[in-house]
Amino acid sequence: MVKLAIDFEHASRRWWENGGQSLWDGILDGFGGSSVVLDDHVAESWLAEAGRIPGWDDGPEYAPHPIRASRADEEDMDL
């Protein structure tokens, strides 16, 4: 399982304005929020699509993408 979360240190809005917001809203399935836990293959597919949207790589070295991915732990499963 993979946790996808908004990286609030990524200051650029370009990705969000070029279709990223719609992509993010679609994966949240109407629940809102700043993170979601997905099966590995779904997260991989979603990240591939997210990377095609202009602005994905616009952030600084410490926050290169507007969404970060990490391994989900037990606490994350309650999201």
PDB file of N, CA and C in Angstrom:
ATOM      1  N   MET A   1       0.850  -1.181   0.000  1.00  0.00           N
ATOM      2  CA  MET A   1       0.000   0.000   0.000  1.00  0.00           C
ATOM      3  C   MET A   1       0.896   1.245   0.000  1.00  0.00           C
ATOM      4  N   VAL A   2       0.408   2.258  -0.706  1.00  0.00           N
ATOM      5  CA  VAL A   2       1.150   3.505  -0.860  1.00  0.00           C
ATOM      6  C   VAL A   2       0.275   4.662  -0.386  1.00  0.00           C
ATOM      7  N   LYS A   3       0.879   5.569   0.352  1.00  0.00           N
ATOM      8  CA  LYS A   3       0.184   6.776   0.785  1.00  0.00           C
ATOM      9  C   LYS A   3       0.615   7.918  -0.134  1.00  0.00           C
ATOM     10  N   LEU A   4      -0.341   8.562  -0.771  1.00  0.00           N
ATOM     11  CA  LEU A   4      -0.096   9.767  -1.547  1.00  0.00           C
ATOM     12  C   LEU A   4      -0.594  10.937  -0.715  1.00  0.00           C
ATOM     13  N   ALA A   5       0.206  11.996  -0.639  1.00  0.00           N
ATOM     14  CA  ALA A   5      -0.164  13.151   0.169  1.00  0.00           C
ATOM     15  C   ALA A   5       0.294  14.433  -0.511  1.00  0.00           C
ATOM     16  N   ILE A   6      -0.474  15.483  -0.337  1.00  0.00           N
ATOM     17  CA  ILE A   6      -0.076  16.790  -0.846  1.00  0.00           C
ATOM     18  C   ILE A   6       1.203  17.204  -0.131  1.00  0.00           C
ATOM     19  N   ASP A   7       2.183  17.665  -0.909  1.00  0.00           N
ATOM     20  CA  ASP A   7       3.416  18.191  -0.321  1.00  0.00           C
ATOM     21  C   ASP A   7       3.274  19.705  -0.255  1.00  0.00           C
ATOM     22  N   PHE A   8       2.934  20.208   0.906  1.00  0.00           N
ATOM     23  CA  PHE A   8       2.673  21.629   1.072  1.00  0.00           C
ATOM     24  C   PHE A   8       3.928  22.487   0.946  1.00  0.00           C
ATOM     25  N   GLU A   9       5.106  21.879   0.912  1.00  0.00           N
ATOM     26  CA  GLU A   9       6.344  22.627   0.704  1.00  0.00           C
ATOM     27  C   GLU A   9       6.608  22.879  -0.776  1.00  0.00           C
ATOM     28  N   HIS A  10       5.852  22.248  -1.650  1.00  0.00           N
ATOM     29  CA  HIS A  10       5.935  22.478  -3.090  1.00  0.00           C
ATOM     30  C   HIS A  10       5.061  23.698  -3.385  1.00  0.00           C
ATOM     31  N   ALA A  11       5.690  24.853  -3.592  1.00  0.00           N
ATOM     32  CA  ALA A  11       4.958  26.121  -3.660  1.00  0.00           C
ATOM     33  C   ALA A  11       4.328  26.415  -5.019  1.00  0.00           C
ATOM     34  N   SER A  12       4.776  25.778  -6.084  1.00  0.00           N
ATOM     35  CA  SER A  12       4.243  26.073  -7.417  1.00  0.00           C
ATOM     36  C   SER A  12       2.790  25.624  -7.527  1.00  0.00           C
ATOM     37  N   ARG A  13       1.979  26.439  -8.159  1.00  0.00           N
ATOM     38  CA  ARG A  13       0.574  26.107  -8.388  1.00  0.00           C
ATOM     39  C   ARG A  13       0.329  25.586  -9.808  1.00  0.00           C
ATOM     40  N   ARG A  14       1.364  25.578 -10.653  1.00  0.00           N
ATOM     41  CA  ARG A  14       1.206  25.251 -12.066  1.00  0.00           C
ATOM     42  C   ARG A  14       0.578  23.870 -12.279  1.00  0.00           C
ATOM     43  N   TRP A  15       1.053  22.858 -11.578  1.00  0.00           N
ATOM     44  CA  TRP A  15       0.517  21.504 -11.741  1.00  0.00           C
ATOM     45  C   TRP A  15      -0.973  21.477 -11.402  1.00  0.00           C
ATOM     46  N   TRP A  16      -1.340  22.090 -10.300  1.00  0.00           N
ATOM     47  CA  TRP A  16      -2.736  22.118  -9.866  1.00  0.00           C
ATOM     48  C   TRP A  16      -3.617  22.796 -10.900  1.00  0.00           C
ATOM     49  N   GLU A  17      -3.125  23.891 -11.478  1.00  0.00           N
ATOM     50  CA  GLU A  17      -3.902  24.670 -12.439  1.00  0.00           C
ATOM     51  C   GLU A  17      -3.965  24.036 -13.826  1.00  0.00           C
ATOM     52  N   ASN A  18      -3.064  23.115 -14.136  1.00  0.00           N
ATOM     53  CA  ASN A  18      -3.020  22.472 -15.449  1.00  0.00           C
ATOM     54  C   ASN A  18      -3.693  21.102 -15.490  1.00  0.00           C
ATOM     55  N   GLY A  19      -4.487  20.784 -14.510  1.00  0.00           N
ATOM     56  CA  GLY A  19      -5.219  19.518 -14.493  1.00  0.00           C
ATOM     57  C   GLY A  19      -4.939  18.654 -13.283  1.00  0.00           C
ATOM     58  N   GLY A  20      -3.941  19.012 -12.503  1.00  0.00           N
ATOM     59  CA  GLY A  20      -3.607  18.235 -11.315  1.00  0.00           C
ATOM     60  C   GLY A  20      -4.709  18.221 -10.271  1.00  0.00           C
ATOM     61  N   GLN A  21      -5.398  19.351 -10.130  1.00  0.00           N
ATOM     62  CA  GLN A  21      -6.481  19.408  -9.141  1.00  0.00           C
ATOM     63  C   GLN A  21      -7.573  18.394  -9.472  1.00  0.00           C
ATOM     64  N   SER A  22      -7.936  18.316 -10.746  1.00  0.00           N
ATOM     65  CA  SER A  22      -8.968  17.348 -11.165  1.00  0.00           C
ATOM     66  C   SER A  22      -8.493  15.915 -10.958  1.00  0.00           C
ATOM     67  N   LEU A  23      -7.226  15.655 -11.267  1.00  0.00           N
ATOM     68  CA  LEU A  23      -6.673  14.312 -11.076  1.00  0.00           C
ATOM     69  C   LEU A  23      -6.679  13.944  -9.594  1.00  0.00           C
ATOM     70  N   TRP A  24      -6.271  14.869  -8.739  1.00  0.00           N
ATOM     71  CA  TRP A  24      -6.250  14.639  -7.299  1.00  0.00           C
ATOM     72  C   TRP A  24      -7.669  14.426  -6.762  1.00  0.00           C
ATOM     73  N   ASP A  25      -8.584  15.285  -7.158  1.00  0.00           N
ATOM     74  CA  ASP A  25      -9.970  15.154  -6.693  1.00  0.00           C
ATOM     75  C   ASP A  25     -10.560  13.810  -7.110  1.00  0.00           C
ATOM     76  N   GLY A  26     -10.180  13.328  -8.290  1.00  0.00           N
ATOM     77  CA  GLY A  26     -10.684  12.047  -8.769  1.00  0.00           C
ATOM     78  C   GLY A  26     -10.224  10.868  -7.931  1.00  0.00           C
ATOM     79  N   ILE A  27      -9.008  10.910  -7.446  1.00  0.00           N
ATOM     80  CA  ILE A  27      -8.482   9.796  -6.653  1.00  0.00           C
ATOM     81  C   ILE A  27      -9.047   9.821  -5.225  1.00  0.00           C
ATOM     82  N   LEU A  28      -9.469  10.994  -4.760  1.00  0.00           N
ATOM     83  CA  LEU A  28     -10.037  11.092  -3.416  1.00  0.00           C
ATOM     84  C   LEU A  28     -11.472  10.587  -3.369  1.00  0.00           C
ATOM     85  N   ASP A  29     -12.093  10.423  -4.530  1.00  0.00           N
ATOM     86  CA  ASP A  29     -13.435   9.858  -4.619  1.00  0.00           C
ATOM     87  C   ASP A  29     -14.456  10.615  -3.774  1.00  0.00           C
ATOM     88  N   GLY A  30     -14.340  11.941  -3.783  1.00  0.00           N
ATOM     89  CA  GLY A  30     -15.323  12.762  -3.090  1.00  0.00           C
ATOM     90  C   GLY A  30     -15.116  12.929  -1.601  1.00  0.00           C
ATOM     91  N   PHE A  31     -14.093  12.306  -1.027  1.00  0.00           N
ATOM     92  CA  PHE A  31     -13.895  12.395   0.413  1.00  0.00           C
ATOM     93  C   PHE A  31     -13.108  13.626   0.838  1.00  0.00           C
ATOM     94  N   GLY A  32     -12.452  14.305  -0.106  1.00  0.00           N
ATOM     95  CA  GLY A  32     -11.633  15.456   0.254  1.00  0.00           C
ATOM     96  C   GLY A  32     -10.399  15.021   1.024  1.00  0.00           C
ATOM     97  N   GLY A  33      -9.653  15.946   1.499  1.00  0.00           N
ATOM     98  CA  GLY A  33      -8.495  15.637   2.306  1.00  0.00           C
ATOM     99  C   GLY A  33      -7.178  15.861   1.589  1.00  0.00           C
ATOM    100  N   SER A  34      -6.103  15.646   2.327  1.00  0.00           N
ATOM    101  CA  SER A  34      -4.775  15.910   1.792  1.00  0.00           C
ATOM    102  C   SER A  34      -3.948  14.646   1.603  1.00  0.00           C
ATOM    103  N   SER A  35      -4.543  13.473   1.845  1.00  0.00           N
ATOM    104  CA  SER A  35      -3.820  12.222   1.616  1.00  0.00           C
ATOM    105  C   SER A  35      -4.801  11.086   1.335  1.00  0.00           C
ATOM    106  N   VAL A  36      -4.260  10.039   0.716  1.00  0.00           N
ATOM    107  CA  VAL A  36      -5.058   8.866   0.384  1.00  0.00           C
ATOM    108  C   VAL A  36      -4.138   7.651   0.354  1.00  0.00           C
ATOM    109  N   VAL A  37      -4.637   6.491   0.720  1.00  0.00           N
ATOM    110  CA  VAL A  37      -3.877   5.239   0.675  1.00  0.00           C
ATOM    111  C   VAL A  37      -4.434   4.389  -0.462  1.00  0.00           C
ATOM    112  N   LEU A  38      -3.526   3.898  -1.317  1.00  0.00           N
ATOM    113  CA  LEU A  38      -3.915   3.143  -2.502  1.00  0.00           C
ATOM    114  C   LEU A  38      -3.107   1.861  -2.623  1.00  0.00           C
ATOM    115  N   ASP A  39      -3.651   0.888  -3.357  1.00  0.00           N
ATOM    116  CA  ASP A  39      -2.870  -0.289  -3.728  1.00  0.00           C
ATOM    117  C   ASP A  39      -1.674   0.168  -4.556  1.00  0.00           C
ATOM    118  N   ASP A  40      -0.597  -0.590  -4.506  1.00  0.00           N
ATOM    119  CA  ASP A  40       0.636  -0.214  -5.200  1.00  0.00           C
ATOM    120  C   ASP A  40       0.411   0.078  -6.678  1.00  0.00           C
ATOM    121  N   HIS A  41      -0.284  -0.809  -7.369  1.00  0.00           N
ATOM    122  CA  HIS A  41      -0.449  -0.638  -8.819  1.00  0.00           C
ATOM    123  C   HIS A  41      -1.316   0.574  -9.161  1.00  0.00           C
ATOM    124  N   VAL A  42      -2.296   0.890  -8.344  1.00  0.00           N
ATOM    125  CA  VAL A  42      -3.134   2.065  -8.574  1.00  0.00           C
ATOM    126  C   VAL A  42      -2.303   3.333  -8.346  1.00  0.00           C
ATOM    127  N   ALA A  43      -1.523   3.350  -7.269  1.00  0.00           N
ATOM    128  CA  ALA A  43      -0.667   4.505  -6.992  1.00  0.00           C
ATOM    129  C   ALA A  43       0.360   4.707  -8.103  1.00  0.00           C
ATOM    130  N   GLU A  44       0.953   3.626  -8.570  1.00  0.00           N
ATOM    131  CA  GLU A  44       1.944   3.720  -9.642  1.00  0.00           C
ATOM    132  C   GLU A  44       1.319   4.312 -10.905  1.00  0.00           C
ATOM    133  N   SER A  45       0.151   3.853 -11.268  1.00  0.00           N
ATOM    134  CA  SER A  45      -0.558   4.358 -12.435  1.00  0.00           C
ATOM    135  C   SER A  45      -0.921   5.831 -12.255  1.00  0.00           C
ATOM    136  N   TRP A  46      -1.403   6.184 -11.080  1.00  0.00           N
ATOM    137  CA  TRP A  46      -1.793   7.560 -10.806  1.00  0.00           C
ATOM    138  C   TRP A  46      -0.578   8.479 -10.885  1.00  0.00           C
ATOM    139  N   LEU A  47       0.533   8.056 -10.297  1.00  0.00           N
ATOM    140  CA  LEU A  47       1.755   8.876 -10.331  1.00  0.00           C
ATOM    141  C   LEU A  47       2.276   9.057 -11.753  1.00  0.00           C
ATOM    142  N   ALA A  48       2.159   8.032 -12.580  1.00  0.00           N
ATOM    143  CA  ALA A  48       2.585   8.146 -13.980  1.00  0.00           C
ATOM    144  C   ALA A  48       1.753   9.207 -14.693  1.00  0.00           C
ATOM    145  N   GLU A  49       0.459   9.192 -14.458  1.00  0.00           N
ATOM    146  CA  GLU A  49      -0.420  10.193 -15.075  1.00  0.00           C
ATOM    147  C   GLU A  49      -0.124  11.583 -14.513  1.00  0.00           C
ATOM    148  N   ALA A  50       0.079  11.681 -13.219  1.00  0.00           N
ATOM    149  CA  ALA A  50       0.379  12.970 -12.586  1.00  0.00           C
ATOM    150  C   ALA A  50       1.666  13.567 -13.152  1.00  0.00           C
ATOM    151  N   GLY A  51       2.643  12.730 -13.434  1.00  0.00           N
ATOM    152  CA  GLY A  51       3.920  13.188 -13.962  1.00  0.00           C
ATOM    153  C   GLY A  51       3.830  13.747 -15.369  1.00  0.00           C
ATOM    154  N   ARG A  52       2.761  13.472 -16.078  1.00  0.00           N
ATOM    155  CA  ARG A  52       2.562  13.996 -17.437  1.00  0.00           C
ATOM    156  C   ARG A  52       2.008  15.420 -17.440  1.00  0.00           C
ATOM    157  N   ILE A  53       1.499  15.875 -16.317  1.00  0.00           N
ATOM    158  CA  ILE A  53       0.889  17.202 -16.236  1.00  0.00           C
ATOM    159  C   ILE A  53       1.985  18.245 -16.028  1.00  0.00           C
ATOM    160  N   PRO A  54       1.975  19.324 -16.843  1.00  0.00           N
ATOM    161  CA  PRO A  54       2.974  20.379 -16.674  1.00  0.00           C
ATOM    162  C   PRO A  54       2.973  20.936 -15.254  1.00  0.00           C
ATOM    163  N   GLY A  55       4.158  21.092 -14.695  1.00  0.00           N
ATOM    164  CA  GLY A  55       4.321  21.616 -13.342  1.00  0.00           C
ATOM    165  C   GLY A  55       4.701  20.563 -12.330  1.00  0.00           C
ATOM    166  N   TRP A  56       4.671  19.277 -12.716  1.00  0.00           N
ATOM    167  CA  TRP A  56       4.975  18.192 -11.781  1.00  0.00           C
ATOM    168  C   TRP A  56       6.361  18.332 -11.161  1.00  0.00           C
ATOM    169  N   ASP A  57       7.329  18.766 -11.957  1.00  0.00           N
ATOM    170  CA  ASP A  57       8.716  18.871 -11.475  1.00  0.00           C
ATOM    171  C   ASP A  57       9.130  20.299 -11.129  1.00  0.00           C
ATOM    172  N   ASP A  58       8.196  21.179 -10.840  1.00  0.00           N
ATOM    173  CA  ASP A  58       8.505  22.592 -10.624  1.00  0.00           C
ATOM    174  C   ASP A  58       8.988  22.952  -9.226  1.00  0.00           C
ATOM    175  N   GLY A  59       8.978  22.034  -8.310  1.00  0.00           N
ATOM    176  CA  GLY A  59       9.328  22.359  -6.930  1.00  0.00           C
ATOM    177  C   GLY A  59      10.818  22.338  -6.667  1.00  0.00           C
ATOM    178  N   PRO A  60      11.215  22.786  -5.481  1.00  0.00           N
ATOM    179  CA  PRO A  60      12.619  22.761  -5.083  1.00  0.00           C
ATOM    180  C   PRO A  60      13.088  21.326  -4.839  1.00  0.00           C
ATOM    181  N   GLU A  61      14.369  21.150  -4.654  1.00  0.00           N
ATOM    182  CA  GLU A  61      14.950  19.819  -4.470  1.00  0.00           C
ATOM    183  C   GLU A  61      14.318  19.062  -3.300  1.00  0.00           C
ATOM    184  N   TYR A  62      13.979  19.764  -2.224  1.00  0.00           N
ATOM    185  CA  TYR A  62      13.410  19.093  -1.051  1.00  0.00           C
ATOM    186  C   TYR A  62      11.913  18.793  -1.205  1.00  0.00           C
ATOM    187  N   ALA A  63      11.259  19.351  -2.228  1.00  0.00           N
ATOM    188  CA  ALA A  63       9.841  19.088  -2.491  1.00  0.00           C
ATOM    189  C   ALA A  63       9.592  19.219  -3.991  1.00  0.00           C
ATOM    190  N   PRO A  64      10.137  18.298  -4.781  1.00  0.00           N
ATOM    191  CA  PRO A  64      10.095  18.456  -6.240  1.00  0.00           C
ATOM    192  C   PRO A  64       8.708  18.305  -6.865  1.00  0.00           C
ATOM    193  N   HIS A  65       7.806  17.577  -6.210  1.00  0.00           N
ATOM    194  CA  HIS A  65       6.490  17.292  -6.787  1.00  0.00           C
ATOM    195  C   HIS A  65       5.386  17.763  -5.844  1.00  0.00           C
ATOM    196  N   PRO A  66       4.224  18.116  -6.378  1.00  0.00           N
ATOM    197  CA  PRO A  66       3.122  18.571  -5.520  1.00  0.00           C
ATOM    198  C   PRO A  66       2.505  17.455  -4.669  1.00  0.00           C
ATOM    199  N   ILE A  67       2.717  16.212  -5.081  1.00  0.00           N
ATOM    200  CA  ILE A  67       2.220  15.055  -4.324  1.00  0.00           C
ATOM    201  C   ILE A  67       3.412  14.160  -4.005  1.00  0.00           C
ATOM    202  N   ARG A  68       3.510  13.721  -2.771  1.00  0.00           N
ATOM    203  CA  ARG A  68       4.599  12.800  -2.402  1.00  0.00           C
ATOM    204  C   ARG A  68       4.022  11.412  -2.145  1.00  0.00           C
ATOM    205  N   ALA A  69       4.844  10.425  -2.383  1.00  0.00           N
ATOM    206  CA  ALA A  69       4.435   9.035  -2.180  1.00  0.00           C
ATOM    207  C   ALA A  69       5.325   8.407  -1.116  1.00  0.00           C
ATOM    208  N   SER A  70       4.733   7.610  -0.255  1.00  0.00           N
ATOM    209  CA  SER A  70       5.488   6.876   0.763  1.00  0.00           C
ATOM    210  C   SER A  70       4.772   5.560   1.052  1.00  0.00           C
ATOM    211  N   ARG A  71       5.485   4.638   1.626  1.00  0.00           N
ATOM    212  CA  ARG A  71       4.875   3.380   2.041  1.00  0.00           C
ATOM    213  C   ARG A  71       3.865   3.677   3.139  1.00  0.00           C
ATOM    214  N   ALA A  72       2.693   3.113   3.029  1.00  0.00           N
ATOM    215  CA  ALA A  72       1.662   3.289   4.046  1.00  0.00           C
ATOM    216  C   ALA A  72       1.990   2.412   5.251  1.00  0.00           C
ATOM    217  N   ASP A  73       1.739   2.950   6.434  1.00  0.00           N
ATOM    218  CA  ASP A  73       1.906   2.141   7.640  1.00  0.00           C
ATOM    219  C   ASP A  73       0.540   1.864   8.249  1.00  0.00           C
ATOM    220  N   GLU A  74       0.506   1.163   9.349  1.00  0.00           N
ATOM    221  CA  GLU A  74      -0.763   0.765   9.973  1.00  0.00           C
ATOM    222  C   GLU A  74      -1.659   1.971  10.282  1.00  0.00           C
ATOM    223  N   GLU A  75      -1.067   3.037  10.747  1.00  0.00           N
ATOM    224  CA  GLU A  75      -1.827   4.251  11.087  1.00  0.00           C
ATOM    225  C   GLU A  75      -2.498   4.834   9.846  1.00  0.00           C
ATOM    226  N   ASP A  76      -1.824   4.756   8.696  1.00  0.00           N
ATOM    227  CA  ASP A  76      -2.371   5.306   7.460  1.00  0.00           C
ATOM    228  C   ASP A  76      -3.590   4.537   6.958  1.00  0.00           C
ATOM    229  N   MET A  77      -3.737   3.307   7.341  1.00  0.00           N
ATOM    230  CA  MET A  77      -4.828   2.477   6.853  1.00  0.00           C
ATOM    231  C   MET A  77      -6.188   2.973   7.330  1.00  0.00           C
ATOM    232  N   ASP A  78      -6.209   3.856   8.323  1.00  0.00           N
ATOM    233  CA  ASP A  78      -7.455   4.399   8.827  1.00  0.00           C
ATOM    234  C   ASP A  78      -7.932   5.610   8.038  1.00  0.00           C
ATOM    235  N   LEU A  79      -7.175   6.023   7.003  1.00  0.00           N
ATOM    236  CA  LEU A  79      -7.569   7.195   6.198  1.00  0.00           C
ATOM    237  C   LEU A  79      -8.830   6.918   5.420  1.00  0.00           C
TER     238      LEU A  79
END
